[in-house]
C-alpha atoms as a PDB file:
ATOM      1  CA  MET A   1       0.369 -25.855 -23.873  1.00  0.00           C
ATOM      2  CA  PRO A   2      -1.227 -22.202 -23.099  1.00  0.00           C
ATOM      3  CA  ALA A   3       0.319 -19.169 -21.980  1.00  0.00           C
ATOM      4  CA  THR A   4       0.586 -18.824 -18.158  1.00  0.00           C
ATOM      5  CA  PRO A   5       0.144 -15.442 -16.712  1.00  0.00           C
ATOM      6  CA  ASP A   6       3.566 -15.078 -16.066  1.00  0.00           C
ATOM      7  CA  GLN A   7       4.370 -15.425 -19.912  1.00  0.00           C
ATOM      8  CA  LEU A   8       1.463 -12.959 -20.289  1.00  0.00           C
ATOM      9  CA  PHE A   9       3.169 -10.458 -17.849  1.00  0.00           C
ATOM     10  CA  ALA A  10       6.484 -10.806 -19.772  1.00  0.00           C
ATOM     11  CA  ALA A  11       4.689  -9.895 -23.173  1.00  0.00           C
ATOM     12  CA  LEU A  12       3.263  -6.920 -21.209  1.00  0.00           C
ATOM     13  CA  ASP A  13       6.857  -5.780 -19.592  1.00  0.00           C
ATOM     14  CA  ARG A  14       8.443  -6.459 -23.490  1.00  0.00           C
ATOM     15  CA  LEU A  15       5.901  -3.906 -24.834  1.00  0.00           C
ATOM     16  CA  GLY A  16       6.731  -1.298 -21.622  1.00  0.00           C
ATOM     17  CA  ILE A  17       2.858  -1.834 -20.386  1.00  0.00           C
ATOM     18  CA  ALA A  18       2.260  -1.484 -16.526  1.00  0.00           C
ATOM     19  CA  HIS A  19       0.324  -4.538 -15.320  1.00  0.00           C
ATOM     20  CA  PRO A  20      -0.777  -4.211 -11.508  1.00  0.00           C
ATOM     21  CA  THR A  21      -2.252  -7.463 -10.688  1.00  0.00           C
ATOM     22  CA  VAL A  22      -3.763  -8.441  -7.362  1.00  0.00           C
ATOM     23  CA  SER A  23      -4.357 -12.186  -6.024  1.00  0.00           C
ATOM     24  CA  HIS A  24      -7.701 -13.293  -4.555  1.00  0.00           C
ATOM     25  CA  PRO A  25      -9.518 -16.386  -4.170  1.00  0.00           C
ATOM     26  CA  PRO A  26     -11.103 -18.374  -7.207  1.00  0.00           C
ATOM     27  CA  LEU A  27     -14.133 -16.009  -8.968  1.00  0.00           C
ATOM     28  CA  PHE A  28     -15.900 -17.629 -11.609  1.00  0.00           C
ATOM     29  CA  THR A  29     -18.987 -15.201 -12.066  1.00  0.00           C
ATOM     30  CA  VAL A  30     -19.545 -11.148 -12.058  1.00  0.00           C
ATOM     31  CA  GLU A  31     -21.438 -11.368  -8.619  1.00  0.00           C
ATOM     32  CA  GLN A  32     -17.885 -12.936  -6.942  1.00  0.00           C
ATOM     33  CA  SER A  33     -16.241 -10.305  -8.500  1.00  0.00           C
ATOM     34  CA  GLN A  34     -18.090  -7.621  -7.216  1.00  0.00           C
ATOM     35  CA  SER A  35     -18.289  -9.199  -3.515  1.00  0.00           C
ATOM     36  CA  LEU A  36     -14.653  -9.588  -3.414  1.00  0.00           C
ATOM     37  CA  ARG A  37     -13.460  -6.555  -5.454  1.00  0.00           C
ATOM     38  CA  GLY A  38     -12.173  -3.912  -2.738  1.00  0.00           C
ATOM     39  CA  THR A  39     -10.211  -1.020  -4.105  1.00  0.00           C
ATOM     40  CA  ILE A  40      -9.553  -1.753  -7.616  1.00  0.00           C
ATOM     41  CA  GLN A  41     -10.594   0.740  -9.737  1.00  0.00           C
ATOM     42  CA  GLY A  42     -11.439   1.036 -13.050  1.00  0.00           C
ATOM     43  CA  GLY A  43     -13.566  -0.756 -15.766  1.00  0.00           C
ATOM     44  CA  HIS A  44     -14.195  -4.727 -14.329  1.00  0.00           C
ATOM     45  CA  THR A  45     -15.083  -6.857 -17.357  1.00  0.00           C
ATOM     46  CA  LYS A  46     -17.771  -9.401 -18.459  1.00  0.00           C
ATOM     47  CA  ASN A  47     -16.564 -11.534 -21.046  1.00  0.00           C
ATOM     48  CA  LEU A  48     -18.585 -13.907 -23.797  1.00  0.00           C
ATOM     49  CA  PHE A  49     -16.776 -16.808 -25.752  1.00  0.00           C
ATOM     50  CA  LEU A  50     -19.652 -17.100 -28.651  1.00  0.00           C
ATOM     51  CA  ARG A  51     -19.718 -18.730 -32.030  1.00  0.00           C
ATOM     52  CA  ASP A  52     -22.053 -17.909 -34.850  1.00  0.00           C
ATOM     53  CA  LYS A  53     -24.215 -20.658 -37.009  1.00  0.00           C
ATOM     54  CA  LYS A  54     -20.780 -21.268 -38.983  1.00  0.00           C
ATOM     55  CA  GLY A  55     -18.672 -21.848 -36.521  1.00  0.00           C
ATOM     56  CA  VAL A  56     -17.050 -18.075 -36.638  1.00  0.00           C
ATOM     57  CA  LEU A  57     -15.910 -17.460 -33.153  1.00  0.00           C
ATOM     58  CA  PHE A  58     -16.243 -14.026 -31.250  1.00  0.00           C
ATOM     59  CA  LEU A  59     -14.682 -12.937 -27.913  1.00  0.00           C
ATOM     60  CA  VAL A  60     -16.864 -10.026 -26.710  1.00  0.00           C
ATOM     61  CA  THR A  61     -15.760  -8.153 -23.785  1.00  0.00           C
ATOM     62  CA  ALA A  62     -17.936  -5.521 -22.310  1.00  0.00           C
ATOM     63  CA  LEU A  63     -18.371  -3.389 -18.494  1.00  0.00           C
ATOM     64  CA  GLU A  64     -19.621  -6.308 -15.901  1.00  0.00           C
ATOM     65  CA  SER A  65     -23.197  -4.702 -15.384  1.00  0.00           C
ATOM     66  CA  ALA A  66     -23.353  -4.334 -19.200  1.00  0.00           C
ATOM     67  CA  VAL A  67     -26.694  -5.609 -20.816  1.00  0.00           C
ATOM     68  CA  ILE A  68     -25.610  -7.595 -24.163  1.00  0.00           C
ATOM     69  CA  GLU A  69     -29.024  -8.526 -26.040  1.00  0.00           C
ATOM     70  CA  LEU A  70     -27.783 -11.818 -26.914  1.00  0.00           C
ATOM     71  CA  LYS A  71     -30.657 -12.782 -29.588  1.00  0.00           C
ATOM     72  CA  SER A  72     -29.149  -9.729 -32.016  1.00  0.00           C
ATOM     73  CA  LEU A  73     -25.826  -9.328 -31.249  1.00  0.00           C
ATOM     74  CA  HIS A  74     -24.664 -11.192 -34.371  1.00  0.00           C
ATOM     75  CA  ARG A  75     -26.711  -8.375 -36.435  1.00  0.00           C
ATOM     76  CA  ARG A  76     -24.808  -5.535 -34.536  1.00  0.00           C
ATOM     77  CA  LEU A  77     -21.581  -7.386 -35.392  1.00  0.00           C
ATOM     78  CA  ALA A  78     -22.594  -8.128 -38.962  1.00  0.00           C
ATOM     79  CA  ALA A  79     -23.475  -4.633 -39.446  1.00  0.00           C
ATOM     80  CA  ALA A  80     -19.819  -3.686 -38.358  1.00  0.00           C
ATOM     81  CA  GLY A  81     -18.360  -5.644 -41.115  1.00  0.00           C
ATOM     82  CA  LEU A  82     -17.788  -8.467 -38.478  1.00  0.00           C
ATOM     83  CA  GLY A  83     -19.236 -11.241 -40.805  1.00  0.00           C
ATOM     84  CA  ALA A  84     -21.284 -12.890 -37.926  1.00  0.00           C
ATOM     85  CA  THR A  85     -23.902 -15.290 -39.578  1.00  0.00           C
ATOM     86  CA  GLY A  86     -27.078 -16.301 -37.437  1.00  0.00           C
ATOM     87  CA  ARG A  87     -27.757 -16.286 -33.621  1.00  0.00           C
ATOM     88  CA  PHE A  88     -24.926 -16.725 -31.640  1.00  0.00           C
ATOM     89  CA  SER A  89     -24.187 -19.366 -29.149  1.00  0.00           C
ATOM     90  CA  PHE A  90     -21.666 -19.721 -26.485  1.00  0.00           C
ATOM     91  CA  GLY A  91     -18.333 -21.689 -27.386  1.00  0.00           C
ATOM     92  CA  SER A  92     -18.120 -24.676 -25.408  1.00  0.00           C
ATOM     93  CA  SER A  93     -15.446 -25.299 -22.657  1.00  0.00           C
ATOM     94  CA  ASP A  94     -13.374 -27.313 -25.067  1.00  0.00           C
ATOM     95  CA  LEU A  95     -13.122 -24.818 -27.610  1.00  0.00           C
ATOM     96  CA  LEU A  96     -12.695 -22.100 -25.021  1.00  0.00           C
ATOM     97  CA  LEU A  97      -9.491 -24.049 -23.990  1.00  0.00           C
ATOM     98  CA  ALA A  98      -8.372 -25.058 -27.282  1.00  0.00           C
ATOM     99  CA  THR A  99      -8.447 -21.100 -28.713  1.00  0.00           C
ATOM    100  CA  LEU A 100      -7.867 -18.874 -25.999  1.00  0.00           C
ATOM    101  CA  GLY A 101      -5.747 -21.337 -23.799  1.00  0.00           C
ATOM    102  CA  VAL A 102      -8.621 -20.688 -20.873  1.00  0.00           C
ATOM    103  CA  THR A 103     -11.473 -22.534 -18.651  1.00  0.00           C
ATOM    104  CA  PRO A 104     -14.791 -20.943 -18.009  1.00  0.00           C
ATOM    105  CA  GLY A 105     -14.306 -18.592 -15.318  1.00  0.00           C
ATOM    106  CA  SER A 106     -11.089 -17.390 -16.757  1.00  0.00           C
ATOM    107  CA  VAL A 107     -12.494 -15.755 -19.902  1.00  0.00           C
ATOM    108  CA  THR A 108     -10.250 -12.557 -20.951  1.00  0.00           C
ATOM    109  CA  PRO A 109      -9.382 -10.711 -23.754  1.00  0.00           C
ATOM    110  CA  PHE A 110      -5.827 -11.612 -22.663  1.00  0.00           C
ATOM    111  CA  GLY A 111      -6.476 -15.061 -23.796  1.00  0.00           C
ATOM    112  CA  ALA A 112      -6.076 -13.806 -27.452  1.00  0.00           C
ATOM    113  CA  LEU A 113      -2.496 -14.264 -26.603  1.00  0.00           C
ATOM    114  CA  ASN A 114      -3.215 -18.117 -26.841  1.00  0.00           C
ATOM    115  CA  ASP A 115      -5.065 -17.778 -30.219  1.00  0.00           C
ATOM    116  CA  THR A 116      -1.879 -18.526 -32.518  1.00  0.00           C
ATOM    117  CA  SER A 117      -4.073 -19.432 -35.240  1.00  0.00           C
ATOM    118  CA  GLY A 118      -6.122 -16.059 -35.256  1.00  0.00           C
ATOM    119  CA  ARG A 119      -9.971 -17.577 -35.202  1.00  0.00           C
ATOM    120  CA  VAL A 120     -11.222 -15.422 -32.678  1.00  0.00           C
ATOM    121  CA  THR A 121     -12.517 -12.008 -33.413  1.00  0.00           C
ATOM    122  CA  ILE A 122     -12.189  -9.685 -30.366  1.00  0.00           C
ATOM    123  CA  VAL A 123     -14.772  -7.242 -29.509  1.00  0.00           C
ATOM    124  CA  LEU A 124     -14.184  -4.708 -27.022  1.00  0.00           C
ATOM    125  CA  ASP A 125     -17.591  -2.514 -25.798  1.00  0.00           C
ATOM    126  CA  ALA A 126     -17.659   1.198 -26.800  1.00  0.00           C
ATOM    127  CA  GLU A 127     -18.729   1.792 -23.046  1.00  0.00           C
ATOM    128  CA  LEU A 128     -16.216  -0.236 -21.364  1.00  0.00           C
ATOM    129  CA  MET A 129     -13.565   1.503 -23.298  1.00  0.00           C
ATOM    130  CA  GLN A 130     -14.561   4.646 -21.695  1.00  0.00           C
ATOM    131  CA  HIS A 131     -12.845   4.003 -18.798  1.00  0.00           C
ATOM    132  CA  ALA A 132      -9.133   4.504 -18.586  1.00  0.00           C
ATOM    133  CA  VAL A 133      -8.107   1.530 -16.293  1.00  0.00           C
ATOM    134  CA  ILE A 134      -9.744  -2.059 -17.588  1.00  0.00           C
ATOM    135  CA  ASN A 135      -9.442  -4.969 -15.340  1.00  0.00           C
ATOM    136  CA  ALA A 136      -9.318  -8.512 -16.615  1.00  0.00           C
ATOM    137  CA  HIS A 137      -8.024 -11.898 -15.700  1.00  0.00           C
ATOM    138  CA  PRO A 138      -4.633 -12.566 -16.483  1.00  0.00           C
ATOM    139  CA  LEU A 139      -5.650 -16.051 -17.925  1.00  0.00           C
ATOM    140  CA  VAL A 140      -6.619 -17.645 -14.348  1.00  0.00           C
ATOM    141  CA  ASN A 141      -9.309 -16.250 -12.113  1.00  0.00           C
ATOM    142  CA  THR A 142      -7.055 -16.336  -9.015  1.00  0.00           C
ATOM    143  CA  MET A 143      -5.858 -12.372  -9.928  1.00  0.00           C
ATOM    144  CA  THR A 144      -7.045  -9.330 -11.637  1.00  0.00           C
ATOM    145  CA  THR A 145      -4.631  -7.387 -14.017  1.00  0.00           C
ATOM    146  CA  SER A 146      -5.365  -3.816 -14.309  1.00  0.00           C
ATOM    147  CA  ILE A 147      -4.419  -2.257 -17.951  1.00  0.00           C
ATOM    148  CA  ALA A 148      -4.419   1.306 -19.176  1.00  0.00           C
ATOM    149  CA  ARG A 149      -7.520   1.371 -22.040  1.00  0.00           C
ATOM    150  CA  ASP A 150      -4.874   1.924 -24.769  1.00  0.00           C
ATOM    151  CA  ASP A 151      -1.928  -0.606 -23.857  1.00  0.00           C
ATOM    152  CA  LEU A 152      -5.284  -3.368 -23.675  1.00  0.00           C
ATOM    153  CA  VAL A 153      -5.483  -2.099 -27.374  1.00  0.00           C
ATOM    154  CA  ARG A 154      -1.802  -2.015 -28.005  1.00  0.00           C
ATOM    155  CA  PHE A 155      -0.987  -5.465 -26.695  1.00  0.00           C
ATOM    156  CA  LEU A 156      -3.936  -7.120 -28.709  1.00  0.00           C
ATOM    157  CA  GLU A 157      -2.571  -5.300 -31.953  1.00  0.00           C
ATOM    158  CA  SER A 158       1.149  -6.736 -30.774  1.00  0.00           C
ATOM    159  CA  ILE A 159      -0.142 -10.585 -30.949  1.00  0.00           C
ATOM    160  CA  GLY A 160      -2.155 -10.219 -34.105  1.00  0.00           C
ATOM    161  CA  HIS A 161      -5.645  -9.647 -32.787  1.00  0.00           C
ATOM    162  CA  PRO A 162      -6.744  -6.030 -33.247  1.00  0.00           C
ATOM    163  CA  PRO A 163      -9.754  -5.596 -31.557  1.00  0.00           C
ATOM    164  CA  ARG A 164     -12.630  -4.490 -32.936  1.00  0.00           C
ATOM    165  CA  ILE A 165     -14.440  -1.501 -30.607  1.00  0.00           C
ATOM    166  CA  LEU A 166     -18.185  -1.131 -30.985  1.00  0.00           C
ATOM    167  CA  ASP A 167     -21.661  -0.424 -29.163  1.00  0.00           C
ATOM    168  CA  VAL A 168     -23.055  -4.085 -28.321  1.00  0.00           C
ATOM    169  CA  THR A 169     -25.307  -3.000 -25.265  1.00  0.00           C
ATOM    170  CA  GLY A 170     -28.906  -1.698 -25.430  1.00  0.00           C
ATOM    171  CA  PRO A 171     -32.193  -2.874 -26.515  1.00  0.00           C
ATOM    172  CA  ASP A 172     -32.959  -4.524 -29.982  1.00  0.00           C
ATOM    173  CA  SER A 173     -34.352  -1.396 -31.279  1.00  0.00           C
ATOM    174  CA  GLU A 174     -31.423   0.343 -31.998  1.00  0.00           C
ATOM    175  CA  LEU A 175     -30.573  -1.886 -34.904  1.00  0.00           C
END
């Protein structure tokens, strides 16, 4: 069974990581999140669950406003030594549930808690990491959890998913 938000919060508590969380109606898109956000400060995320030509899995987390060129993203990740091969496609909802324990609309870097086999490489966009506080769903899309940027990295490292921080936005010509 995938971890619950309460199990995630307990893991954060064990690490001494603050995680203020706001409950809200279910949010499935960035647009919905923007309309119901209220006063939650910090960088708000969008998440892409991707698989390459060979079935290697990646979770790319960026600012909600980031423009990511999906056609060239595999080259960016390959150039960073992440072994991405061929163009990306989105991972299926079944694969998402099997690896990160979440459903579409709830995709989050916190889902790495459920990837006990280490199949998914976590990539955090460099621009997102300029924010002191990062906001993400805590495994469900009816809440938003705020976490300090360095604490997110510490959490991911503690569960065996050290994130790669890379520039994943911008036009193809930057490659």
